[in-house]
N, C-alpha and C. Protein backbone atom coordinates (compact mmCIF):
# COMPACT_ATOMS: atom_id res chain seq x y z
N LEU A 1 106.57 81.30 143.27
CA LEU A 1 106.11 81.93 142.03
C LEU A 1 104.61 82.25 142.09
N THR A 2 103.85 81.41 142.76
CA THR A 2 102.40 81.67 142.83
C THR A 2 102.08 82.77 143.84
N ILE A 3 103.02 83.05 144.74
CA ILE A 3 102.76 84.06 145.77
C ILE A 3 102.78 85.47 145.18
N LEU A 4 103.66 85.71 144.22
CA LEU A 4 103.81 87.05 143.67
C LEU A 4 102.52 87.64 143.09
N PRO A 5 101.78 86.92 142.25
CA PRO A 5 100.53 87.51 141.74
C PRO A 5 99.55 87.84 142.87
N VAL A 6 99.51 87.00 143.90
CA VAL A 6 98.60 87.24 145.03
C VAL A 6 99.00 88.52 145.75
N LEU A 7 100.29 88.68 145.99
CA LEU A 7 100.78 89.88 146.65
C LEU A 7 100.49 91.13 145.81
N THR A 8 100.65 90.98 144.50
CA THR A 8 100.38 92.11 143.61
C THR A 8 98.91 92.50 143.70
N ILE A 9 98.03 91.50 143.65
CA ILE A 9 96.59 91.76 143.73
C ILE A 9 96.25 92.40 145.08
N LEU A 10 96.82 91.87 146.15
CA LEU A 10 96.55 92.41 147.48
C LEU A 10 97.05 93.85 147.63
N THR A 11 98.09 94.17 146.86
CA THR A 11 98.60 95.54 146.91
C THR A 11 97.74 96.47 146.06
N ILE A 12 97.33 96.00 144.88
CA ILE A 12 96.59 96.85 143.94
C ILE A 12 95.15 97.07 144.40
N LEU A 13 94.52 96.01 144.90
CA LEU A 13 93.10 96.11 145.26
C LEU A 13 92.79 97.23 146.26
N PRO A 14 93.53 97.34 147.37
CA PRO A 14 93.23 98.45 148.29
C PRO A 14 93.41 99.81 147.63
N VAL A 15 94.42 99.93 146.78
CA VAL A 15 94.66 101.21 146.09
C VAL A 15 93.49 101.53 145.18
N LEU A 16 93.05 100.54 144.40
CA LEU A 16 91.90 100.75 143.52
C LEU A 16 90.65 101.08 144.32
N THR A 17 90.48 100.38 145.45
CA THR A 17 89.31 100.63 146.29
C THR A 17 89.33 102.05 146.82
N ILE A 18 90.50 102.48 147.30
CA ILE A 18 90.62 103.84 147.83
C ILE A 18 90.36 104.87 146.74
N LEU A 19 90.93 104.64 145.56
CA LEU A 19 90.74 105.57 144.46
C LEU A 19 89.28 105.64 144.03
N THR A 20 88.57 104.50 144.18
CA THR A 20 87.16 104.48 143.82
C THR A 20 86.31 105.17 144.89
N ILE A 21 86.68 104.96 146.16
CA ILE A 21 85.88 105.48 147.27
C ILE A 21 86.09 106.98 147.48
N LEU A 22 87.34 107.43 147.34
CA LEU A 22 87.65 108.82 147.66
C LEU A 22 86.77 109.84 146.95
N PRO A 23 86.56 109.73 145.64
CA PRO A 23 85.68 110.73 144.99
C PRO A 23 84.26 110.67 145.54
N VAL A 24 83.80 109.46 145.90
CA VAL A 24 82.45 109.33 146.43
C VAL A 24 82.38 109.95 147.82
N LEU A 25 83.43 109.73 148.62
CA LEU A 25 83.45 110.27 149.98
C LEU A 25 83.43 111.79 149.98
N THR A 26 84.04 112.40 148.97
CA THR A 26 84.05 113.86 148.92
C THR A 26 82.65 114.39 148.62
N ILE A 27 81.82 113.58 147.95
CA ILE A 27 80.45 113.99 147.66
C ILE A 27 79.60 113.91 148.92
N LEU A 28 79.88 112.89 149.74
CA LEU A 28 79.07 112.66 150.94
C LEU A 28 79.30 113.75 151.98
N PRO A 29 78.27 114.02 152.79
CA PRO A 29 78.51 114.87 153.96
C PRO A 29 79.46 114.16 154.92
N ILE A 30 80.34 114.89 155.57
CA ILE A 30 81.41 114.29 156.36
C ILE A 30 80.88 113.58 157.61
N ILE A 31 79.97 114.21 158.34
CA ILE A 31 79.57 113.68 159.65
C ILE A 31 78.95 112.28 159.57
N PRO A 32 78.02 112.00 158.64
CA PRO A 32 77.46 110.64 158.59
C PRO A 32 78.48 109.57 158.21
N ILE A 33 79.59 109.96 157.58
CA ILE A 33 80.60 108.98 157.17
C ILE A 33 81.34 108.41 158.39
N ILE A 34 81.57 109.26 159.38
CA ILE A 34 82.45 108.89 160.49
C ILE A 34 82.02 107.58 161.16
N PRO A 35 80.72 107.37 161.49
CA PRO A 35 80.33 106.08 162.08
C PRO A 35 80.47 104.91 161.10
N VAL A 36 80.45 105.20 159.80
CA VAL A 36 80.50 104.13 158.79
C VAL A 36 81.94 103.67 158.55
N LEU A 37 82.90 104.56 158.73
CA LEU A 37 84.30 104.25 158.40
C LEU A 37 84.84 102.97 159.02
N PRO A 38 84.58 102.67 160.32
CA PRO A 38 85.10 101.41 160.86
C PRO A 38 84.51 100.17 160.18
N VAL A 39 83.35 100.32 159.55
CA VAL A 39 82.67 99.19 158.92
C VAL A 39 83.24 98.93 157.52
N LEU A 40 83.78 99.98 156.90
CA LEU A 40 84.23 99.88 155.50
C LEU A 40 85.18 98.71 155.23
N PRO A 41 86.22 98.48 156.07
CA PRO A 41 87.13 97.38 155.75
C PRO A 41 86.46 96.01 155.84
N VAL A 42 85.37 95.92 156.61
CA VAL A 42 84.72 94.63 156.84
C VAL A 42 83.83 94.26 155.65
N LEU A 43 83.07 95.24 155.17
CA LEU A 43 82.11 94.97 154.12
C LEU A 43 82.77 95.00 152.75
N PRO A 44 82.24 94.23 151.81
CA PRO A 44 82.71 94.38 150.43
C PRO A 44 82.16 95.70 149.89
N VAL A 45 83.01 96.70 149.82
CA VAL A 45 82.54 98.04 149.49
C VAL A 45 82.69 98.29 148.00
N THR A 46 81.57 98.67 147.38
CA THR A 46 81.59 99.07 145.99
C THR A 46 80.93 100.44 145.91
N PRO A 47 81.19 101.18 144.85
CA PRO A 47 80.52 102.48 144.71
C PRO A 47 79.00 102.35 144.83
N ALA A 48 78.45 101.25 144.33
CA ALA A 48 77.00 101.06 144.40
C ALA A 48 76.51 101.00 145.84
N THR A 49 77.22 100.27 146.70
CA THR A 49 76.78 100.17 148.10
C THR A 49 76.94 101.51 148.79
N ILE A 50 77.98 102.26 148.45
CA ILE A 50 78.18 103.58 149.07
C ILE A 50 77.05 104.51 148.66
N ILE A 51 76.68 104.46 147.38
CA ILE A 51 75.57 105.30 146.91
C ILE A 51 74.29 104.91 147.63
N ARG A 52 74.10 103.60 147.85
CA ARG A 52 72.92 103.14 148.56
C ARG A 52 72.93 103.64 150.00
N TRP A 53 74.11 103.56 150.65
CA TRP A 53 74.23 104.09 152.02
C TRP A 53 73.91 105.56 152.04
N ARG A 54 74.41 106.29 151.04
CA ARG A 54 74.20 107.73 150.99
C ARG A 54 72.70 108.02 150.88
N GLU A 55 72.00 107.24 150.06
CA GLU A 55 70.56 107.45 149.93
C GLU A 55 69.85 107.16 151.24
N CYS A 56 70.32 106.11 151.95
CA CYS A 56 69.71 105.77 153.25
C CYS A 56 69.98 106.88 154.26
N ILE A 57 71.21 107.40 154.27
CA ILE A 57 71.57 108.44 155.23
C ILE A 57 70.77 109.71 154.96
N LEU A 58 70.63 110.05 153.69
CA LEU A 58 69.98 111.31 153.35
C LEU A 58 68.46 111.23 153.47
N SER A 59 67.92 110.01 153.37
CA SER A 59 66.46 109.91 153.41
C SER A 59 65.95 109.95 154.85
């Protein structure tokens, strides 16, 4: 019984993360994203960190 909520969260979280990241990724230039993509699953990615990365890349 305790496993089900965990599985639900594990299923929903990636979907929410993708839905949050996708609009931001479309704003970013494509080429600088490519080296960052392998790092995304490792880091706790939030829109704020992506915006910060974007500012670093563009500056």
